């Protein structure tokens, strides 16, 4: 599918005719495709999209679960705005087909690709907000996140909590997390963490140490399912 066809297909899925289509184009432009000019990439739109998403999901959770405590709402929020969740929605929208970036970036490792997709989805939401306001952004979020929010009667546990429950339930002690590296520029670091539990190890990466630990725990649990 050509870039323009992919853009048209994505626009249809978003259900919004942009008054400022340049916003959507910018949201779909990875920093690697801007020849060093980060102001024309999707990073600034990602910045505002991240805040809009957090607000709209928090608003929805307060409305949908009026008797839940703050801690349980926080668990739901963490799951719904996680990079893995966003990347899954981006894949469902075939957002990658419309992304502007060098082909080599499409061959990056799993964790890097997840971050690229999740950042782009936040940028698209930021573009939608700037073009048409909170009403349009809210409609998009509630449509695309509905199955995820309604699919969990109980707050989903973070991967670290699930791994800890698994090991302690078998008398194996606590998982051990080790920071193995920290790379990239200060404004966009990548942390890598290894988790060891039950004589097995797994690695994860993220924009924060905490996110990397969650990714490592998720990878460990995924390996358990595959074994």
N, C-alpha and C. Protein backbone atom coordinates (compact mmCIF):
# COMPACT_ATOMS: atom_id res chain seq x y z
N UNK A 1 0.85 -1.19 0.00
CA UNK A 1 0.00 0.00 0.00
C UNK A 1 0.88 1.24 0.00
N UNK A 2 0.60 2.20 -0.87
CA UNK A 2 1.40 3.42 -0.93
C UNK A 2 1.17 4.27 0.31
N UNK A 3 2.09 5.22 0.53
CA UNK A 3 1.98 6.08 1.69
C UNK A 3 0.68 6.87 1.73
N UNK A 4 0.25 7.40 0.58
CA UNK A 4 -0.97 8.19 0.54
C UNK A 4 -2.20 7.32 0.77
N UNK A 5 -2.17 6.10 0.22
CA UNK A 5 -3.30 5.18 0.42
C UNK A 5 -3.39 4.76 1.88
N UNK A 6 -2.23 4.51 2.49
CA UNK A 6 -2.21 4.14 3.90
C UNK A 6 -2.71 5.30 4.77
N UNK A 7 -2.33 6.52 4.41
CA UNK A 7 -2.78 7.69 5.15
C UNK A 7 -4.29 7.86 5.04
N UNK A 8 -4.83 7.64 3.84
CA UNK A 8 -6.27 7.75 3.64
C UNK A 8 -7.01 6.67 4.42
N UNK A 9 -6.44 5.46 4.44
CA UNK A 9 -7.07 4.36 5.17
C UNK A 9 -7.07 4.63 6.67
N UNK A 10 -5.97 5.17 7.19
CA UNK A 10 -5.89 5.50 8.60
C UNK A 10 -6.87 6.62 8.95
N UNK A 11 -6.95 7.63 8.10
CA UNK A 11 -7.88 8.74 8.34
C UNK A 11 -9.31 8.23 8.45
N UNK A 12 -9.67 7.28 7.60
CA UNK A 12 -11.00 6.70 7.65
C UNK A 12 -11.23 5.96 8.97
N UNK A 13 -10.22 5.24 9.43
CA UNK A 13 -10.35 4.51 10.69
C UNK A 13 -10.45 5.46 11.88
N UNK A 14 -9.78 6.60 11.78
CA UNK A 14 -9.86 7.59 12.86
C UNK A 14 -11.24 8.23 12.92
N UNK A 15 -11.95 8.20 11.81
CA UNK A 15 -13.29 8.77 11.77
C UNK A 15 -13.31 10.28 11.89
N UNK A 16 -12.25 10.93 11.41
CA UNK A 16 -12.16 12.39 11.53
C UNK A 16 -11.52 12.97 10.28
N UNK A 17 -12.17 13.96 9.70
CA UNK A 17 -11.63 14.67 8.54
C UNK A 17 -10.87 15.89 9.05
N UNK A 18 -9.55 15.83 9.02
CA UNK A 18 -8.72 16.87 9.62
C UNK A 18 -8.86 18.20 8.89
N UNK A 19 -9.16 19.26 9.66
CA UNK A 19 -9.15 20.61 9.10
C UNK A 19 -7.71 21.04 8.83
N UNK A 20 -6.78 20.49 9.60
CA UNK A 20 -5.35 20.77 9.41
C UNK A 20 -4.64 19.43 9.19
N UNK A 21 -4.71 18.91 7.98
CA UNK A 21 -4.13 17.59 7.70
C UNK A 21 -2.63 17.51 7.95
N UNK A 22 -1.96 18.66 7.97
CA UNK A 22 -0.52 18.64 8.24
C UNK A 22 -0.22 18.12 9.64
N UNK A 23 -1.20 18.25 10.57
CA UNK A 23 -1.01 17.72 11.91
C UNK A 23 -0.90 16.20 11.89
N UNK A 24 -1.77 15.56 11.13
CA UNK A 24 -1.72 14.11 11.04
C UNK A 24 -0.44 13.65 10.36
N UNK A 25 -0.04 14.37 9.32
CA UNK A 25 1.22 14.00 8.64
C UNK A 25 2.41 14.12 9.60
N UNK A 26 2.41 15.15 10.40
CA UNK A 26 3.50 15.31 11.36
C UNK A 26 3.46 14.21 12.42
N UNK A 27 2.26 13.84 12.84
CA UNK A 27 2.11 12.77 13.84
C UNK A 27 2.66 11.45 13.35
N UNK A 28 2.71 11.28 12.05
CA UNK A 28 3.17 10.03 11.44
C UNK A 28 4.60 10.12 10.92
N UNK A 29 5.32 11.18 11.33
CA UNK A 29 6.70 11.37 10.89
C UNK A 29 7.65 11.10 12.05
N UNK A 30 8.34 9.99 11.97
CA UNK A 30 9.31 9.62 13.01
C UNK A 30 10.51 10.56 12.93
N UNK A 31 11.17 10.77 14.07
CA UNK A 31 12.30 11.70 14.11
C UNK A 31 13.42 11.29 13.16
N UNK A 32 13.52 9.99 12.86
CA UNK A 32 14.57 9.52 11.96
C UNK A 32 14.36 9.96 10.52
N UNK A 33 13.17 10.47 10.21
CA UNK A 33 12.85 10.87 8.84
C UNK A 33 12.85 12.38 8.65
N UNK A 34 13.37 13.13 9.64
CA UNK A 34 13.28 14.60 9.57
C UNK A 34 14.61 15.27 9.29
N UNK A 35 15.63 14.49 8.98
CA UNK A 35 16.95 15.03 8.63
C UNK A 35 17.48 15.98 9.71
N UNK A 36 17.32 15.55 10.96
CA UNK A 36 17.88 16.30 12.08
C UNK A 36 17.00 17.39 12.64
N UNK A 37 15.87 17.69 12.01
CA UNK A 37 14.98 18.74 12.52
C UNK A 37 13.87 18.09 13.34
N UNK A 38 14.07 17.97 14.65
CA UNK A 38 13.11 17.29 15.50
C UNK A 38 11.78 18.06 15.62
N UNK A 39 11.79 19.35 15.34
CA UNK A 39 10.55 20.13 15.44
C UNK A 39 9.53 19.69 14.40
N UNK A 40 9.99 19.05 13.33
CA UNK A 40 9.05 18.60 12.30
C UNK A 40 8.69 17.13 12.47
N UNK A 41 9.19 16.49 13.54
CA UNK A 41 8.85 15.10 13.79
C UNK A 41 7.61 15.03 14.68
N UNK A 42 7.24 13.82 15.07
CA UNK A 42 6.02 13.65 15.86
C UNK A 42 6.27 13.77 17.37
N UNK A 43 7.48 14.15 17.80
CA UNK A 43 7.80 14.15 19.21
C UNK A 43 6.96 15.14 20.02
N UNK A 44 6.73 16.34 19.51
CA UNK A 44 5.95 17.33 20.24
C UNK A 44 4.48 16.91 20.32
N UNK A 45 3.97 16.31 19.25
CA UNK A 45 2.59 15.83 19.26
C UNK A 45 2.45 14.64 20.21
N UNK A 46 3.48 13.82 20.27
CA UNK A 46 3.49 12.71 21.23
C UNK A 46 3.42 13.25 22.66
N UNK A 47 4.15 14.33 22.90
CA UNK A 47 4.18 14.96 24.23
C UNK A 47 2.78 15.34 24.69
N UNK A 48 2.03 16.03 23.83
CA UNK A 48 0.69 16.45 24.24
C UNK A 48 -0.29 15.28 24.19
N UNK A 49 -0.10 14.36 23.24
CA UNK A 49 -0.99 13.20 23.16
C UNK A 49 -0.91 12.33 24.39
N UNK A 50 0.28 12.20 24.96
CA UNK A 50 0.46 11.42 26.18
C UNK A 50 -0.37 12.01 27.32
N UNK A 51 -0.36 13.33 27.42
CA UNK A 51 -1.12 14.01 28.50
C UNK A 51 -2.62 13.91 28.26
N UNK A 52 -3.03 14.04 27.01
CA UNK A 52 -4.46 13.94 26.68
C UNK A 52 -4.97 12.54 26.97
N UNK A 53 -4.19 11.54 26.59
CA UNK A 53 -4.60 10.16 26.83
C UNK A 53 -4.76 9.89 28.32
N UNK A 54 -3.77 10.31 29.11
CA UNK A 54 -3.85 10.10 30.55
C UNK A 54 -5.09 10.74 31.15
N UNK A 55 -5.40 11.97 30.73
CA UNK A 55 -6.58 12.67 31.22
C UNK A 55 -7.87 11.94 30.84
N UNK A 56 -7.98 11.56 29.57
CA UNK A 56 -9.22 10.95 29.09
C UNK A 56 -9.45 9.56 29.68
N UNK A 57 -8.38 8.79 29.86
CA UNK A 57 -8.53 7.47 30.47
C UNK A 57 -8.88 7.62 31.95
N UNK A 58 -8.21 8.54 32.65
CA UNK A 58 -8.52 8.76 34.07
C UNK A 58 -9.96 9.22 34.25
N UNK A 59 -10.41 10.13 33.41
CA UNK A 59 -11.80 10.60 33.44
C UNK A 59 -12.77 9.44 33.26
N UNK A 60 -12.49 8.58 32.29
CA UNK A 60 -13.34 7.44 31.96
C UNK A 60 -13.37 6.43 33.12
N UNK A 61 -12.23 6.18 33.74
CA UNK A 61 -12.16 5.23 34.84
C UNK A 61 -12.97 5.72 36.04
N UNK A 62 -12.86 7.01 36.34
CA UNK A 62 -13.64 7.58 37.45
C UNK A 62 -15.13 7.41 37.20
N UNK A 63 -15.53 7.59 35.95
CA UNK A 63 -16.93 7.48 35.55
C UNK A 63 -17.40 6.02 35.55
N UNK A 64 -16.55 5.13 35.04
CA UNK A 64 -16.94 3.72 34.85
C UNK A 64 -16.87 2.90 36.13
N UNK A 65 -15.96 3.25 37.02
CA UNK A 65 -15.77 2.47 38.25
C UNK A 65 -15.88 3.41 39.46
N UNK A 66 -17.10 3.87 39.77
CA UNK A 66 -17.28 4.91 40.80
C UNK A 66 -16.96 4.46 42.22
N UNK A 67 -16.86 3.15 42.47
CA UNK A 67 -16.61 2.69 43.84
C UNK A 67 -15.19 2.16 44.05
N UNK A 68 -14.37 2.20 42.99
CA UNK A 68 -13.02 1.68 43.14
C UNK A 68 -12.09 2.69 43.80
N UNK A 69 -11.13 2.16 44.54
CA UNK A 69 -10.15 3.01 45.21
C UNK A 69 -9.10 3.50 44.23
N UNK A 70 -8.38 4.53 44.66
CA UNK A 70 -7.37 5.15 43.80
C UNK A 70 -6.32 4.15 43.33
N UNK A 71 -5.91 3.24 44.24
CA UNK A 71 -4.88 2.28 43.87
C UNK A 71 -5.31 1.35 42.75
N UNK A 72 -6.56 0.90 42.80
CA UNK A 72 -7.07 0.01 41.76
C UNK A 72 -7.26 0.77 40.44
N UNK A 73 -7.71 2.01 40.54
CA UNK A 73 -7.83 2.83 39.34
C UNK A 73 -6.45 3.04 38.70
N UNK A 74 -5.45 3.21 39.55
CA UNK A 74 -4.09 3.39 39.04
C UNK A 74 -3.59 2.17 38.29
N UNK A 75 -3.94 0.98 38.76
CA UNK A 75 -3.54 -0.25 38.07
C UNK A 75 -4.19 -0.32 36.70
N UNK A 76 -5.46 0.05 36.65
CA UNK A 76 -6.16 0.04 35.35
C UNK A 76 -5.53 1.07 34.41
N UNK A 77 -5.24 2.24 34.95
CA UNK A 77 -4.64 3.30 34.13
C UNK A 77 -3.29 2.85 33.57
N UNK A 78 -2.46 2.26 34.42
CA UNK A 78 -1.13 1.82 33.97
C UNK A 78 -1.24 0.83 32.82
N UNK A 79 -2.19 -0.09 32.93
CA UNK A 79 -2.38 -1.07 31.87
C UNK A 79 -2.88 -0.42 30.59
N UNK A 80 -3.84 0.48 30.70
CA UNK A 80 -4.48 1.06 29.52
C UNK A 80 -3.58 2.05 28.77
N UNK A 81 -2.60 2.62 29.45
CA UNK A 81 -1.71 3.57 28.77
C UNK A 81 -0.31 3.00 28.56
N UNK A 82 -0.13 1.70 28.82
CA UNK A 82 1.19 1.09 28.65
C UNK A 82 1.58 1.05 27.18
N UNK A 83 2.89 0.99 26.94
CA UNK A 83 3.39 0.94 25.56
C UNK A 83 2.85 -0.28 24.83
N UNK A 84 2.74 -1.40 25.54
CA UNK A 84 2.25 -2.62 24.90
C UNK A 84 0.80 -2.46 24.46
N UNK A 85 -0.03 -1.85 25.31
CA UNK A 85 -1.43 -1.63 24.96
C UNK A 85 -1.55 -0.70 23.76
N UNK A 86 -0.80 0.39 23.79
CA UNK A 86 -0.86 1.35 22.69
C UNK A 86 -0.36 0.74 21.38
N UNK A 87 0.70 -0.05 21.46
CA UNK A 87 1.22 -0.69 20.25
C UNK A 87 0.20 -1.64 19.65
N UNK A 88 -0.53 -2.35 20.51
CA UNK A 88 -1.57 -3.26 20.02
C UNK A 88 -2.67 -2.52 19.29
N UNK A 89 -3.08 -1.37 19.82
CA UNK A 89 -4.10 -0.56 19.16
C UNK A 89 -3.57 -0.01 17.84
N UNK A 90 -2.31 0.43 17.85
CA UNK A 90 -1.68 0.94 16.63
C UNK A 90 -1.66 -0.13 15.54
N UNK A 91 -1.37 -1.37 15.93
CA UNK A 91 -1.35 -2.46 14.95
C UNK A 91 -2.74 -2.72 14.40
N UNK A 92 -3.73 -2.65 15.26
CA UNK A 92 -5.11 -2.85 14.80
C UNK A 92 -5.53 -1.80 13.78
N UNK A 93 -5.00 -0.59 13.96
CA UNK A 93 -5.30 0.50 13.03
C UNK A 93 -4.40 0.50 11.79
N UNK A 94 -3.45 -0.44 11.76
CA UNK A 94 -2.45 -0.50 10.67
C UNK A 94 -1.71 0.83 10.56
N UNK A 95 -1.43 1.42 11.71
CA UNK A 95 -0.78 2.73 11.75
C UNK A 95 0.62 2.68 11.14
N UNK A 96 1.30 1.56 11.29
CA UNK A 96 2.67 1.44 10.78
C UNK A 96 2.73 1.64 9.27
N UNK A 97 1.67 1.28 8.56
CA UNK A 97 1.67 1.43 7.11
C UNK A 97 1.79 2.89 6.69
N UNK A 98 1.32 3.80 7.56
CA UNK A 98 1.34 5.22 7.24
C UNK A 98 2.51 5.97 7.87
N UNK A 99 3.32 5.26 8.66
CA UNK A 99 4.45 5.92 9.32
C UNK A 99 5.55 6.26 8.32
N UNK A 100 6.09 7.45 8.48
CA UNK A 100 7.20 7.89 7.63
C UNK A 100 8.50 7.70 8.41
N UNK A 101 9.33 6.74 7.96
CA UNK A 101 10.59 6.46 8.62
C UNK A 101 11.45 5.61 7.69
N UNK A 102 12.77 5.59 7.90
CA UNK A 102 13.62 4.74 7.09
C UNK A 102 13.24 3.27 7.27
N UNK A 103 13.40 2.49 6.22
CA UNK A 103 13.01 1.08 6.28
C UNK A 103 13.78 0.32 7.35
N UNK A 104 15.01 0.74 7.63
CA UNK A 104 15.80 0.04 8.64
C UNK A 104 15.16 0.11 10.02
N UNK A 105 14.42 1.16 10.29
CA UNK A 105 13.77 1.30 11.59
C UNK A 105 12.62 0.31 11.75
N UNK A 106 12.10 -0.18 10.66
CA UNK A 106 11.02 -1.18 10.73
C UNK A 106 11.57 -2.56 11.04
N UNK A 107 12.87 -2.68 11.07
CA UNK A 107 13.51 -3.97 11.36
C UNK A 107 14.19 -3.96 12.72
N UNK A 108 13.81 -3.02 13.57
CA UNK A 108 14.38 -2.94 14.90
C UNK A 108 13.84 -4.07 15.77
N UNK A 109 14.44 -4.24 16.94
CA UNK A 109 13.98 -5.27 17.87
C UNK A 109 12.57 -4.99 18.35
N UNK A 110 11.97 -6.00 18.95
CA UNK A 110 10.58 -5.93 19.38
C UNK A 110 10.30 -4.73 20.27
N UNK A 111 11.14 -4.53 21.30
CA UNK A 111 10.88 -3.46 22.25
C UNK A 111 10.94 -2.09 21.59
N UNK A 112 11.94 -1.88 20.72
CA UNK A 112 12.04 -0.60 20.01
C UNK A 112 10.83 -0.37 19.14
N UNK A 113 10.37 -1.41 18.46
CA UNK A 113 9.21 -1.28 17.58
C UNK A 113 7.94 -0.97 18.38
N UNK A 114 7.80 -1.59 19.53
CA UNK A 114 6.67 -1.29 20.41
C UNK A 114 6.67 0.18 20.79
N UNK A 115 7.84 0.70 21.13
CA UNK A 115 7.93 2.12 21.52
C UNK A 115 7.63 3.05 20.36
N UNK A 116 8.09 2.70 19.16
CA UNK A 116 7.82 3.52 17.98
C UNK A 116 6.31 3.59 17.73
N UNK A 117 5.65 2.44 17.79
CA UNK A 117 4.21 2.40 17.54
C UNK A 117 3.43 3.14 18.62
N UNK A 118 3.77 2.92 19.87
CA UNK A 118 3.03 3.58 20.96
C UNK A 118 3.23 5.09 20.92
N UNK A 119 4.45 5.54 20.63
CA UNK A 119 4.70 6.98 20.52
C UNK A 119 3.90 7.59 19.36
N UNK A 120 3.84 6.87 18.25
CA UNK A 120 3.11 7.38 17.09
C UNK A 120 1.61 7.47 17.38
N UNK A 121 1.08 6.50 18.11
CA UNK A 121 -0.34 6.55 18.43
C UNK A 121 -0.64 7.75 19.34
N UNK A 122 0.23 8.01 20.30
CA UNK A 122 0.05 9.19 21.16
C UNK A 122 0.13 10.47 20.32
N UNK A 123 1.03 10.49 19.35
CA UNK A 123 1.15 11.66 18.48
C UNK A 123 -0.11 11.87 17.66
N UNK A 124 -0.70 10.77 17.17
CA UNK A 124 -1.94 10.87 16.41
C UNK A 124 -3.06 11.42 17.29
N UNK A 125 -3.12 10.95 18.53
CA UNK A 125 -4.12 11.48 19.46
C UNK A 125 -3.88 12.96 19.72
N UNK A 126 -2.60 13.34 19.86
CA UNK A 126 -2.28 14.76 20.04
C UNK A 126 -2.72 15.59 18.86
N UNK A 127 -2.52 15.07 17.65
CA UNK A 127 -2.94 15.78 16.45
C UNK A 127 -4.46 15.92 16.41
N UNK A 128 -5.14 14.85 16.79
CA UNK A 128 -6.61 14.88 16.80
C UNK A 128 -7.12 15.92 17.80
N UNK A 129 -6.49 15.97 18.96
CA UNK A 129 -6.87 16.95 19.98
C UNK A 129 -6.65 18.39 19.50
N UNK A 130 -5.48 18.64 18.91
CA UNK A 130 -5.18 20.00 18.45
C UNK A 130 -6.08 20.41 17.29
N UNK A 131 -6.51 19.45 16.49
CA UNK A 131 -7.35 19.76 15.33
C UNK A 131 -8.81 19.96 15.70
N UNK A 132 -9.29 19.19 16.68
CA UNK A 132 -10.74 19.22 16.95
C UNK A 132 -11.12 19.22 18.42
N UNK A 133 -10.16 19.26 19.32
CA UNK A 133 -10.47 19.37 20.73
C UNK A 133 -10.73 18.06 21.45
N UNK A 134 -11.10 18.19 22.73
CA UNK A 134 -11.28 17.02 23.58
C UNK A 134 -12.43 16.12 23.15
N UNK A 135 -13.48 16.69 22.60
CA UNK A 135 -14.64 15.86 22.21
C UNK A 135 -14.23 14.82 21.17
N UNK A 136 -13.50 15.26 20.15
CA UNK A 136 -13.04 14.32 19.11
C UNK A 136 -12.04 13.32 19.69
N UNK A 137 -11.12 13.80 20.52
CA UNK A 137 -10.14 12.91 21.12
C UNK A 137 -10.81 11.89 22.03
N UNK A 138 -11.80 12.34 22.80
CA UNK A 138 -12.52 11.43 23.69
C UNK A 138 -13.26 10.36 22.91
N UNK A 139 -13.89 10.73 21.83
CA UNK A 139 -14.61 9.76 21.02
C UNK A 139 -13.69 8.68 20.48
N UNK A 140 -12.51 9.08 20.02
CA UNK A 140 -11.53 8.12 19.50
C UNK A 140 -11.07 7.18 20.60
N UNK A 141 -10.72 7.73 21.76
CA UNK A 141 -10.22 6.90 22.85
C UNK A 141 -11.28 5.91 23.32
N UNK A 142 -12.49 6.37 23.48
CA UNK A 142 -13.53 5.47 24.00
C UNK A 142 -13.91 4.40 22.98
N UNK A 143 -13.73 4.68 21.73
CA UNK A 143 -14.01 3.66 20.71
C UNK A 143 -12.89 2.62 20.66
N UNK A 144 -11.65 3.06 20.66
CA UNK A 144 -10.54 2.15 20.47
C UNK A 144 -10.12 1.41 21.75
N UNK A 145 -10.37 2.00 22.91
CA UNK A 145 -9.98 1.37 24.17
C UNK A 145 -11.14 0.63 24.85
N UNK A 146 -12.33 0.69 24.29
CA UNK A 146 -13.52 0.15 24.96
C UNK A 146 -13.35 -1.32 25.34
N UNK A 147 -12.92 -2.14 24.40
CA UNK A 147 -12.79 -3.57 24.68
C UNK A 147 -11.78 -3.85 25.78
N UNK A 148 -10.74 -3.05 25.86
CA UNK A 148 -9.72 -3.23 26.89
C UNK A 148 -10.23 -2.82 28.26
N UNK A 149 -10.94 -1.72 28.31
CA UNK A 149 -11.44 -1.24 29.59
C UNK A 149 -12.54 -2.14 30.12
N UNK A 150 -13.45 -2.55 29.25
CA UNK A 150 -14.58 -3.37 29.68
C UNK A 150 -14.19 -4.83 29.86
N UNK A 151 -13.03 -5.21 29.31
CA UNK A 151 -12.64 -6.61 29.35
C UNK A 151 -12.03 -7.05 30.67
N UNK A 152 -11.83 -6.12 31.61
CA UNK A 152 -11.24 -6.47 32.89
C UNK A 152 -12.19 -6.08 34.02
N UNK A 153 -12.85 -7.06 34.60
CA UNK A 153 -13.73 -6.76 35.72
C UNK A 153 -12.92 -6.34 36.95
N UNK A 154 -11.76 -6.97 37.10
CA UNK A 154 -10.87 -6.60 38.19
C UNK A 154 -9.67 -5.86 37.60
N UNK A 155 -9.07 -4.96 38.38
CA UNK A 155 -7.90 -4.24 37.86
C UNK A 155 -6.80 -5.22 37.48
N UNK A 156 -6.26 -5.13 36.26
CA UNK A 156 -5.19 -6.04 35.86
C UNK A 156 -3.91 -5.78 36.65
N UNK A 157 -3.25 -6.84 37.07
CA UNK A 157 -2.00 -6.69 37.80
C UNK A 157 -0.86 -6.40 36.85
N UNK A 158 0.06 -5.50 37.23
CA UNK A 158 1.25 -5.28 36.41
C UNK A 158 2.07 -6.57 36.33
N UNK A 159 2.91 -6.67 35.30
CA UNK A 159 3.70 -7.88 35.08
C UNK A 159 4.59 -8.20 36.28
N UNK A 160 5.19 -7.20 36.90
CA UNK A 160 6.06 -7.44 38.05
C UNK A 160 5.29 -8.09 39.20
N UNK A 161 4.06 -7.64 39.41
CA UNK A 161 3.24 -8.22 40.48
C UNK A 161 2.85 -9.65 40.15
N UNK A 162 2.53 -9.91 38.88
CA UNK A 162 2.16 -11.27 38.48
C UNK A 162 3.33 -12.22 38.61
N UNK A 163 4.53 -11.77 38.23
CA UNK A 163 5.71 -12.61 38.35
C UNK A 163 6.03 -12.88 39.82
N UNK A 164 5.91 -11.85 40.64
CA UNK A 164 6.17 -12.03 42.07
C UNK A 164 5.19 -13.01 42.69
N UNK A 165 3.92 -12.92 42.32
CA UNK A 165 2.93 -13.86 42.83
C UNK A 165 3.28 -15.29 42.43
N UNK A 166 3.73 -15.44 41.17
CA UNK A 166 4.07 -16.77 40.66
C UNK A 166 5.23 -17.37 41.44
N UNK A 167 6.28 -16.57 41.67
CA UNK A 167 7.46 -17.12 42.35
C UNK A 167 7.19 -17.36 43.84
N UNK A 168 6.55 -16.42 44.51
CA UNK A 168 6.28 -16.59 45.94
C UNK A 168 5.30 -17.72 46.18
N UNK A 169 4.35 -17.89 45.25
CA UNK A 169 3.38 -18.98 45.40
C UNK A 169 4.02 -20.35 45.30
N UNK A 170 5.24 -20.41 44.79
CA UNK A 170 5.96 -21.68 44.65
C UNK A 170 7.18 -21.73 45.56
N UNK A 171 7.23 -20.79 46.50
CA UNK A 171 8.32 -20.79 47.46
C UNK A 171 9.68 -20.51 46.86
N UNK A 172 9.72 -19.73 45.78
CA UNK A 172 10.97 -19.50 45.05
C UNK A 172 11.63 -18.16 45.38
N UNK A 173 11.05 -17.39 46.26
CA UNK A 173 11.64 -16.10 46.60
C UNK A 173 11.30 -15.03 45.58
N UNK A 174 11.85 -13.84 45.82
CA UNK A 174 11.54 -12.70 44.97
C UNK A 174 12.37 -12.69 43.69
N UNK A 175 11.80 -12.25 42.57
CA UNK A 175 12.60 -12.05 41.35
C UNK A 175 13.67 -10.99 41.60
N UNK A 176 14.78 -11.10 40.90
CA UNK A 176 15.89 -10.14 41.05
C UNK A 176 16.04 -9.37 39.74
N UNK A 177 15.93 -8.04 39.83
CA UNK A 177 16.05 -7.17 38.65
C UNK A 177 17.41 -6.48 38.65
N UNK A 178 18.08 -6.50 37.49
CA UNK A 178 19.40 -5.89 37.36
C UNK A 178 19.42 -4.95 36.16
N UNK A 179 19.80 -3.70 36.41
CA UNK A 179 19.95 -2.75 35.31
C UNK A 179 21.23 -3.09 34.57
N UNK A 180 21.13 -3.43 33.29
CA UNK A 180 22.30 -3.85 32.52
C UNK A 180 22.88 -2.75 31.65
N UNK A 181 22.05 -1.77 31.26
CA UNK A 181 22.59 -0.67 30.46
C UNK A 181 21.60 0.49 30.42
N UNK A 182 22.14 1.65 30.10
CA UNK A 182 21.35 2.87 29.90
C UNK A 182 21.95 3.60 28.72
N UNK A 183 21.18 3.72 27.64
CA UNK A 183 21.71 4.28 26.40
C UNK A 183 20.82 5.41 25.90
N UNK A 184 21.31 6.10 24.89
CA UNK A 184 20.53 7.14 24.23
C UNK A 184 20.70 8.50 24.86
N UNK A 185 20.14 9.54 24.20
CA UNK A 185 20.25 10.91 24.72
C UNK A 185 19.41 11.11 25.97
N UNK A 186 19.71 12.16 26.71
CA UNK A 186 19.04 12.42 27.99
C UNK A 186 17.53 12.58 27.82
N UNK A 187 17.10 13.15 26.68
CA UNK A 187 15.67 13.38 26.50
C UNK A 187 14.92 12.14 26.02
N UNK A 188 15.67 11.09 25.64
CA UNK A 188 15.02 9.88 25.12
C UNK A 188 15.87 8.65 25.45
N UNK A 189 16.06 8.36 26.75
CA UNK A 189 16.93 7.25 27.14
C UNK A 189 16.26 5.90 26.94
N UNK A 190 17.07 4.87 26.86
CA UNK A 190 16.58 3.50 26.81
C UNK A 190 17.30 2.70 27.89
N UNK A 191 16.54 2.20 28.85
CA UNK A 191 17.10 1.39 29.93
C UNK A 191 16.86 -0.08 29.61
N UNK A 192 17.84 -0.91 29.91
CA UNK A 192 17.70 -2.34 29.74
C UNK A 192 17.89 -3.03 31.09
N UNK A 193 16.96 -3.93 31.39
CA UNK A 193 16.94 -4.62 32.68
C UNK A 193 16.80 -6.12 32.46
N UNK A 194 17.51 -6.90 33.26
CA UNK A 194 17.37 -8.36 33.24
C UNK A 194 16.71 -8.80 34.54
N UNK A 195 15.74 -9.70 34.45
CA UNK A 195 15.11 -10.27 35.63
C UNK A 195 15.47 -11.74 35.71
N UNK A 196 15.83 -12.17 36.92
CA UNK A 196 16.16 -13.58 37.16
C UNK A 196 15.18 -14.15 38.18
N UNK A 197 14.59 -15.28 37.83
CA UNK A 197 13.64 -15.95 38.72
C UNK A 197 13.53 -17.41 38.32
N UNK A 198 13.53 -18.29 39.30
CA UNK A 198 13.34 -19.72 39.05
C UNK A 198 14.31 -20.25 38.00
N UNK A 199 15.58 -19.86 38.13
CA UNK A 199 16.64 -20.33 37.22
C UNK A 199 16.42 -19.93 35.77
N UNK A 200 15.65 -18.90 35.54
CA UNK A 200 15.44 -18.39 34.18
C UNK A 200 15.65 -16.89 34.19
N UNK A 201 16.08 -16.35 33.05
CA UNK A 201 16.26 -14.91 32.91
C UNK A 201 15.50 -14.38 31.70
N UNK A 202 15.18 -13.11 31.75
CA UNK A 202 14.55 -12.43 30.60
C UNK A 202 14.96 -10.97 30.65
N UNK A 203 14.97 -10.35 29.49
CA UNK A 203 15.41 -8.96 29.40
C UNK A 203 14.27 -8.08 28.89
N UNK A 204 14.25 -6.86 29.37
CA UNK A 204 13.28 -5.88 28.90
C UNK A 204 13.92 -4.52 28.77
N UNK A 205 13.30 -3.66 27.98
CA UNK A 205 13.81 -2.30 27.78
C UNK A 205 12.66 -1.32 27.89
N UNK A 206 12.98 -0.08 28.26
CA UNK A 206 11.95 0.94 28.38
C UNK A 206 12.55 2.31 28.56
N UNK A 207 11.69 3.32 28.51
CA UNK A 207 12.14 4.71 28.63
C UNK A 207 12.49 5.07 30.06
N UNK A 208 12.07 4.26 31.03
CA UNK A 208 12.44 4.43 32.43
C UNK A 208 12.87 3.08 32.97
N UNK A 209 13.57 3.09 34.09
CA UNK A 209 13.99 1.83 34.71
C UNK A 209 12.76 1.01 35.10
N UNK A 210 11.77 1.68 35.61
CA UNK A 210 10.55 0.97 36.02
C UNK A 210 9.87 0.30 34.82
N UNK A 211 9.79 1.02 33.71
CA UNK A 211 9.18 0.45 32.51
C UNK A 211 9.99 -0.74 31.99
N UNK A 212 11.31 -0.63 32.09
CA UNK A 212 12.17 -1.74 31.65
C UNK A 212 11.97 -2.96 32.53
N UNK A 213 11.79 -2.75 33.82
CA UNK A 213 11.53 -3.87 34.74
C UNK A 213 10.20 -4.54 34.40
N UNK A 214 9.19 -3.74 34.11
CA UNK A 214 7.90 -4.31 33.72
C UNK A 214 8.03 -5.12 32.43
N UNK A 215 8.78 -4.58 31.47
CA UNK A 215 8.97 -5.27 30.20
C UNK A 215 9.72 -6.59 30.40
N UNK A 216 10.71 -6.58 31.30
CA UNK A 216 11.45 -7.80 31.58
C UNK A 216 10.56 -8.86 32.22
N UNK A 217 9.72 -8.42 33.16
CA UNK A 217 8.79 -9.35 33.80
C UNK A 217 7.81 -9.92 32.79
N UNK A 218 7.33 -9.06 31.89
CA UNK A 218 6.40 -9.51 30.85
C UNK A 218 7.07 -10.54 29.95
N UNK A 219 8.33 -10.30 29.60
CA UNK A 219 9.07 -11.24 28.75
C UNK A 219 9.28 -12.57 29.47
N UNK A 220 9.56 -12.50 30.77
CA UNK A 220 9.75 -13.74 31.56
C UNK A 220 8.45 -14.54 31.56
N UNK A 221 7.33 -13.88 31.80
CA UNK A 221 6.04 -14.56 31.85
C UNK A 221 5.65 -15.11 30.48
N UNK A 222 5.97 -14.37 29.42
CA UNK A 222 5.69 -14.85 28.06
C UNK A 222 6.48 -16.11 27.77
N UNK A 223 7.72 -16.16 28.26
CA UNK A 223 8.53 -17.36 28.08
C UNK A 223 7.96 -18.55 28.83
N UNK A 224 7.36 -18.27 29.98
CA UNK A 224 6.73 -19.34 30.77
C UNK A 224 5.56 -19.95 30.01
N UNK A 225 4.77 -19.10 29.36
CA UNK A 225 3.63 -19.59 28.58
C UNK A 225 4.07 -20.42 27.39
N UNK A 226 5.23 -20.03 26.82
CA UNK A 226 5.71 -20.74 25.64
C UNK A 226 6.46 -22.02 25.94
N UNK A 227 6.77 -22.25 27.22
CA UNK A 227 7.57 -23.42 27.57
C UNK A 227 6.71 -24.66 27.79
